[in-house]
Amino acid sequence: MNEVRALGFVTLAALLASCASTSNPSQADREIAAVSSLKHQYSGLVMGFDVRPADTLIVSLDLQQYIETDDQTIAAMKRDGLARWRSAWSAAHPHEHGTIHVRFIDFIGRKVATESTKV
């Protein structure tokens, strides 16, 4: 009986945690939302985002599309990604300084490119 009761408490705690996280987006969620327009601007190339650790934006790319994209577009995507991440990071961390990074990866997590800047 105690096992059933414990399972009920664990389930209730998980349910409450999931409700809390959907109504109150995390700092990383807000930062990702600030750069998400890259996914639309570079449709088919930029597939998704993650923030790990707090100073690094991970941008997932479609590797085949990356290979087929011209050098000017790739350079523009890297510049745009870094500029938008810098703006989002600065807004989320006012008065903080450091070096922030954008890491571009393929679908299995291999590094394709990186960009960094001081804030």
N, C-alpha and C. Protein backbone atom coordinates (compact mmCIF):
# COMPACT_ATOMS: atom_id res chain seq x y z
N MET A 1 0.82 -1.19 0.00
CA MET A 1 0.00 0.00 0.00
C MET A 1 0.87 1.26 0.00
N ASN A 2 1.96 1.22 0.76
CA ASN A 2 2.85 2.37 0.81
C ASN A 2 3.46 2.66 -0.55
N GLU A 3 3.72 1.59 -1.34
CA GLU A 3 4.29 1.77 -2.67
C GLU A 3 3.31 2.49 -3.58
N VAL A 4 2.04 2.13 -3.48
CA VAL A 4 1.00 2.77 -4.29
C VAL A 4 0.87 4.24 -3.90
N ARG A 5 0.88 4.50 -2.61
CA ARG A 5 0.78 5.88 -2.13
C ARG A 5 1.99 6.70 -2.59
N ALA A 6 3.19 6.11 -2.52
CA ALA A 6 4.40 6.81 -2.96
C ALA A 6 4.34 7.09 -4.46
N LEU A 7 3.87 6.11 -5.22
CA LEU A 7 3.73 6.30 -6.66
C LEU A 7 2.75 7.42 -6.97
N GLY A 8 1.67 7.50 -6.19
CA GLY A 8 0.69 8.57 -6.36
C GLY A 8 1.30 9.94 -6.11
N PHE A 9 2.12 10.05 -5.06
CA PHE A 9 2.78 11.32 -4.76
C PHE A 9 3.78 11.71 -5.85
N VAL A 10 4.52 10.71 -6.36
CA VAL A 10 5.48 10.98 -7.43
C VAL A 10 4.76 11.46 -8.68
N THR A 11 3.65 10.79 -9.01
CA THR A 11 2.87 11.19 -10.19
C THR A 11 2.31 12.60 -10.02
N LEU A 12 1.79 12.90 -8.85
CA LEU A 12 1.24 14.23 -8.58
C LEU A 12 2.33 15.28 -8.66
N ALA A 13 3.50 15.00 -8.11
CA ALA A 13 4.61 15.96 -8.16
C ALA A 13 5.04 16.21 -9.60
N ALA A 14 5.12 15.15 -10.40
CA ALA A 14 5.50 15.30 -11.80
C ALA A 14 4.46 16.11 -12.56
N LEU A 15 3.20 15.87 -12.29
CA LEU A 15 2.12 16.62 -12.94
C LEU A 15 2.18 18.10 -12.58
N LEU A 16 2.38 18.39 -11.32
CA LEU A 16 2.49 19.79 -10.89
C LEU A 16 3.71 20.46 -11.48
N ALA A 17 4.82 19.76 -11.56
CA ALA A 17 6.03 20.33 -12.15
C ALA A 17 5.83 20.64 -13.62
N SER A 18 5.16 19.74 -14.34
CA SER A 18 4.94 19.99 -15.76
C SER A 18 4.00 21.15 -15.98
N CYS A 19 3.00 21.31 -15.13
CA CYS A 19 2.08 22.44 -15.25
C CYS A 19 2.80 23.75 -14.95
N ALA A 20 3.65 23.73 -13.96
CA ALA A 20 4.38 24.95 -13.59
C ALA A 20 5.33 25.36 -14.70
N SER A 21 5.97 24.40 -15.35
CA SER A 21 6.94 24.75 -16.38
C SER A 21 6.27 25.28 -17.63
N THR A 22 5.04 24.85 -17.94
CA THR A 22 4.39 25.34 -19.14
C THR A 22 3.83 26.75 -18.94
N SER A 23 3.46 27.09 -17.71
CA SER A 23 2.90 28.41 -17.49
C SER A 23 3.97 29.45 -17.19
N ASN A 24 5.15 29.02 -16.80
CA ASN A 24 6.23 29.94 -16.47
C ASN A 24 7.49 29.51 -17.22
N PRO A 25 7.69 30.04 -18.44
CA PRO A 25 8.83 29.59 -19.23
C PRO A 25 10.16 29.90 -18.53
N SER A 26 11.10 28.99 -18.70
CA SER A 26 12.41 29.17 -18.10
C SER A 26 13.20 30.26 -18.85
N GLN A 27 14.27 30.65 -18.24
CA GLN A 27 15.16 31.65 -18.85
C GLN A 27 15.62 31.15 -20.22
N ALA A 28 16.03 29.89 -20.30
CA ALA A 28 16.50 29.33 -21.57
C ALA A 28 15.38 29.34 -22.61
N ASP A 29 14.14 29.05 -22.20
CA ASP A 29 13.01 29.07 -23.14
C ASP A 29 12.81 30.47 -23.71
N ARG A 30 12.93 31.49 -22.87
CA ARG A 30 12.77 32.87 -23.34
C ARG A 30 13.91 33.25 -24.28
N GLU A 31 15.12 32.80 -23.99
CA GLU A 31 16.26 33.10 -24.86
C GLU A 31 16.11 32.40 -26.21
N ILE A 32 15.64 31.17 -26.19
CA ILE A 32 15.41 30.44 -27.44
C ILE A 32 14.32 31.10 -28.25
N ALA A 33 13.27 31.57 -27.59
CA ALA A 33 12.20 32.27 -28.30
C ALA A 33 12.74 33.52 -29.00
N ALA A 34 13.72 34.17 -28.38
CA ALA A 34 14.29 35.39 -28.96
C ALA A 34 15.10 35.12 -30.22
N VAL A 35 15.61 33.91 -30.39
CA VAL A 35 16.41 33.60 -31.58
C VAL A 35 15.66 32.69 -32.57
N SER A 36 14.45 32.30 -32.22
CA SER A 36 13.73 31.32 -33.03
C SER A 36 13.40 31.79 -34.45
N SER A 37 13.42 33.09 -34.68
CA SER A 37 13.14 33.57 -36.05
C SER A 37 14.22 33.11 -37.03
N LEU A 38 15.38 32.70 -36.53
CA LEU A 38 16.41 32.14 -37.41
C LEU A 38 15.89 30.88 -38.12
N LYS A 39 15.06 30.13 -37.42
CA LYS A 39 14.51 28.90 -37.99
C LYS A 39 13.65 29.21 -39.22
N HIS A 40 12.94 30.33 -39.17
CA HIS A 40 12.11 30.72 -40.31
C HIS A 40 12.94 31.39 -41.40
N GLN A 41 13.90 32.21 -40.99
CA GLN A 41 14.73 32.91 -41.97
C GLN A 41 15.59 31.94 -42.76
N TYR A 42 16.09 30.90 -42.10
CA TYR A 42 16.94 29.90 -42.76
C TYR A 42 16.19 28.56 -42.76
N SER A 43 14.98 28.60 -43.27
CA SER A 43 14.09 27.44 -43.31
C SER A 43 14.76 26.27 -44.04
N GLY A 44 14.67 25.10 -43.43
CA GLY A 44 15.28 23.91 -44.01
C GLY A 44 16.73 23.73 -43.59
N LEU A 45 17.37 24.80 -43.15
CA LEU A 45 18.77 24.74 -42.71
C LEU A 45 18.86 24.68 -41.19
N VAL A 46 18.22 25.63 -40.52
CA VAL A 46 18.19 25.67 -39.05
C VAL A 46 16.99 24.85 -38.59
N MET A 47 17.28 23.85 -37.76
CA MET A 47 16.23 22.92 -37.35
C MET A 47 15.77 23.12 -35.90
N GLY A 48 16.63 23.63 -35.02
CA GLY A 48 16.23 23.78 -33.63
C GLY A 48 17.33 24.40 -32.79
N PHE A 49 17.00 24.59 -31.50
CA PHE A 49 17.91 25.29 -30.59
C PHE A 49 17.93 24.63 -29.22
N ASP A 50 19.01 24.88 -28.51
CA ASP A 50 19.13 24.51 -27.11
C ASP A 50 20.12 25.48 -26.48
N VAL A 51 20.03 25.67 -25.18
CA VAL A 51 20.98 26.50 -24.45
C VAL A 51 21.68 25.59 -23.47
N ARG A 52 22.99 25.44 -23.64
CA ARG A 52 23.77 24.57 -22.78
C ARG A 52 25.22 24.93 -22.86
N PRO A 53 25.94 25.26 -21.89
CA PRO A 53 25.50 25.85 -20.63
C PRO A 53 24.90 27.22 -20.87
N ALA A 54 24.75 28.02 -19.85
CA ALA A 54 24.01 29.28 -19.96
C ALA A 54 24.62 30.27 -20.94
N ASP A 55 25.87 30.08 -21.33
CA ASP A 55 26.51 31.04 -22.24
C ASP A 55 26.65 30.50 -23.66
N THR A 56 26.05 29.35 -23.96
CA THR A 56 26.20 28.73 -25.28
C THR A 56 24.85 28.39 -25.88
N LEU A 57 24.61 28.92 -27.07
CA LEU A 57 23.42 28.57 -27.84
C LEU A 57 23.82 27.45 -28.80
N ILE A 58 23.08 26.37 -28.76
CA ILE A 58 23.29 25.25 -29.68
C ILE A 58 22.27 25.39 -30.80
N VAL A 59 22.74 25.45 -32.04
CA VAL A 59 21.85 25.53 -33.20
C VAL A 59 22.00 24.24 -33.99
N SER A 60 20.91 23.49 -34.10
CA SER A 60 20.92 22.24 -34.87
C SER A 60 20.65 22.54 -36.33
N LEU A 61 21.47 21.96 -37.19
CA LEU A 61 21.36 22.20 -38.63
C LEU A 61 21.04 20.90 -39.36
N ASP A 62 20.40 21.05 -40.51
CA ASP A 62 20.26 19.94 -41.44
C ASP A 62 21.56 19.91 -42.24
N LEU A 63 22.37 18.89 -42.03
CA LEU A 63 23.71 18.84 -42.62
C LEU A 63 23.68 18.83 -44.14
N GLN A 64 22.74 18.10 -44.73
CA GLN A 64 22.66 18.08 -46.19
C GLN A 64 22.36 19.47 -46.74
N GLN A 65 21.41 20.16 -46.11
CA GLN A 65 21.07 21.52 -46.54
C GLN A 65 22.27 22.45 -46.34
N TYR A 66 23.00 22.27 -45.23
CA TYR A 66 24.19 23.07 -44.95
C TYR A 66 25.22 22.92 -46.07
N ILE A 67 25.45 21.68 -46.49
CA ILE A 67 26.43 21.40 -47.54
C ILE A 67 26.00 22.04 -48.86
N GLU A 68 24.71 22.06 -49.12
CA GLU A 68 24.19 22.59 -50.39
C GLU A 68 24.01 24.11 -50.39
N THR A 69 24.14 24.75 -49.24
CA THR A 69 23.92 26.20 -49.13
C THR A 69 25.18 26.95 -49.50
N ASP A 70 25.01 28.09 -50.19
CA ASP A 70 26.17 28.87 -50.61
C ASP A 70 26.88 29.53 -49.43
N ASP A 71 28.15 29.84 -49.63
CA ASP A 71 29.00 30.38 -48.55
C ASP A 71 28.49 31.69 -47.98
N GLN A 72 27.92 32.55 -48.82
CA GLN A 72 27.40 33.83 -48.33
C GLN A 72 26.23 33.62 -47.37
N THR A 73 25.35 32.70 -47.68
CA THR A 73 24.21 32.42 -46.82
C THR A 73 24.67 31.82 -45.50
N ILE A 74 25.64 30.91 -45.55
CA ILE A 74 26.19 30.31 -44.33
C ILE A 74 26.82 31.39 -43.46
N ALA A 75 27.60 32.26 -44.05
CA ALA A 75 28.23 33.34 -43.29
C ALA A 75 27.18 34.26 -42.66
N ALA A 76 26.13 34.57 -43.44
CA ALA A 76 25.06 35.42 -42.92
C ALA A 76 24.32 34.73 -41.76
N MET A 77 24.08 33.44 -41.88
CA MET A 77 23.40 32.68 -40.82
C MET A 77 24.24 32.71 -39.55
N LYS A 78 25.53 32.52 -39.67
CA LYS A 78 26.42 32.55 -38.49
C LYS A 78 26.41 33.93 -37.84
N ARG A 79 26.51 34.98 -38.66
CA ARG A 79 26.48 36.35 -38.13
C ARG A 79 25.14 36.64 -37.45
N ASP A 80 24.05 36.30 -38.13
CA ASP A 80 22.71 36.53 -37.57
C ASP A 80 22.52 35.75 -36.27
N GLY A 81 22.94 34.51 -36.27
CA GLY A 81 22.80 33.69 -35.07
C GLY A 81 23.57 34.29 -33.90
N LEU A 82 24.78 34.72 -34.13
CA LEU A 82 25.58 35.31 -33.07
C LEU A 82 24.99 36.64 -32.60
N ALA A 83 24.55 37.47 -33.54
CA ALA A 83 23.98 38.78 -33.17
C ALA A 83 22.68 38.60 -32.36
N ARG A 84 21.83 37.70 -32.78
CA ARG A 84 20.57 37.48 -32.06
C ARG A 84 20.82 36.85 -30.69
N TRP A 85 21.77 35.94 -30.61
CA TRP A 85 22.11 35.32 -29.33
C TRP A 85 22.70 36.37 -28.39
N ARG A 86 23.55 37.23 -28.92
CA ARG A 86 24.14 38.29 -28.10
C ARG A 86 23.05 39.19 -27.52
N SER A 87 22.10 39.57 -28.35
CA SER A 87 21.01 40.43 -27.91
C SER A 87 20.14 39.72 -26.87
N ALA A 88 19.78 38.46 -27.13
CA ALA A 88 18.95 37.71 -26.19
C ALA A 88 19.68 37.46 -24.88
N TRP A 89 20.96 37.12 -24.96
CA TRP A 89 21.75 36.84 -23.76
C TRP A 89 21.91 38.11 -22.93
N SER A 90 22.20 39.22 -23.58
CA SER A 90 22.38 40.49 -22.86
C SER A 90 21.08 40.92 -22.17
N ALA A 91 19.96 40.72 -22.83
CA ALA A 91 18.67 41.07 -22.23
C ALA A 91 18.37 40.19 -21.01
N ALA A 92 18.76 38.94 -21.09
CA ALA A 92 18.49 38.01 -19.99
C ALA A 92 19.49 38.11 -18.85
N HIS A 93 20.66 38.69 -19.13
CA HIS A 93 21.72 38.79 -18.13
C HIS A 93 22.24 40.23 -18.07
N PRO A 94 21.38 41.18 -17.67
CA PRO A 94 21.81 42.58 -17.66
C PRO A 94 23.02 42.79 -16.74
N HIS A 95 23.92 43.61 -17.18
CA HIS A 95 25.12 44.00 -16.43
C HIS A 95 26.13 42.87 -16.26
N GLU A 96 25.93 41.74 -16.93
CA GLU A 96 26.91 40.65 -16.86
C GLU A 96 27.82 40.73 -18.08
N HIS A 97 29.03 40.26 -17.91
CA HIS A 97 30.02 40.27 -18.99
C HIS A 97 30.61 38.87 -19.12
N GLY A 98 31.11 38.59 -20.29
CA GLY A 98 31.73 37.30 -20.53
C GLY A 98 31.82 37.04 -22.02
N THR A 99 32.16 35.84 -22.36
CA THR A 99 32.20 35.42 -23.75
C THR A 99 31.06 34.45 -23.97
N ILE A 100 30.26 34.71 -24.99
CA ILE A 100 29.16 33.82 -25.32
C ILE A 100 29.49 33.09 -26.62
N HIS A 101 28.86 31.96 -26.81
CA HIS A 101 29.19 31.10 -27.94
C HIS A 101 27.92 30.65 -28.65
N VAL A 102 28.03 30.44 -29.95
CA VAL A 102 27.00 29.77 -30.73
C VAL A 102 27.70 28.57 -31.36
N ARG A 103 27.16 27.40 -31.08
CA ARG A 103 27.72 26.17 -31.64
C ARG A 103 26.70 25.58 -32.59
N PHE A 104 27.10 25.38 -33.83
CA PHE A 104 26.25 24.81 -34.86
C PHE A 104 26.58 23.31 -34.95
N ILE A 105 25.55 22.45 -34.82
CA ILE A 105 25.77 21.02 -34.81
C ILE A 105 24.89 20.34 -35.86
N ASP A 106 25.28 19.09 -36.20
CA ASP A 106 24.44 18.31 -37.11
C ASP A 106 23.47 17.47 -36.28
N PHE A 107 22.74 16.58 -36.93
CA PHE A 107 21.67 15.84 -36.26
C PHE A 107 22.14 14.85 -35.21
N ILE A 108 23.42 14.51 -35.20
CA ILE A 108 23.91 13.61 -34.16
C ILE A 108 24.84 14.32 -33.17
N GLY A 109 24.86 15.63 -33.24
CA GLY A 109 25.60 16.42 -32.26
C GLY A 109 27.03 16.75 -32.61
N ARG A 110 27.47 16.43 -33.81
CA ARG A 110 28.83 16.79 -34.21
C ARG A 110 28.91 18.28 -34.52
N LYS A 111 29.98 18.91 -34.07
CA LYS A 111 30.17 20.34 -34.31
C LYS A 111 30.42 20.59 -35.79
N VAL A 112 29.64 21.53 -36.34
CA VAL A 112 29.80 21.95 -37.72
C VAL A 112 30.57 23.26 -37.77
N ALA A 113 30.25 24.17 -36.85
CA ALA A 113 30.91 25.48 -36.80
C ALA A 113 30.66 26.10 -35.42
N THR A 114 31.46 27.10 -35.07
CA THR A 114 31.25 27.84 -33.84
C THR A 114 31.52 29.32 -34.09
N GLU A 115 30.87 30.13 -33.32
CA GLU A 115 31.07 31.58 -33.32
C GLU A 115 31.09 32.02 -31.86
N SER A 116 31.88 33.04 -31.54
CA SER A 116 31.96 33.56 -30.17
C SER A 116 32.11 35.07 -30.21
N THR A 117 31.69 35.71 -29.13
CA THR A 117 31.88 37.15 -28.99
C THR A 117 31.88 37.51 -27.51
N LYS A 118 32.54 38.60 -27.19
CA LYS A 118 32.52 39.10 -25.82
C LYS A 118 31.31 40.00 -25.63
N VAL A 119 30.73 39.92 -24.45
CA VAL A 119 29.57 40.74 -24.12
C VAL A 119 29.94 41.60 -22.93
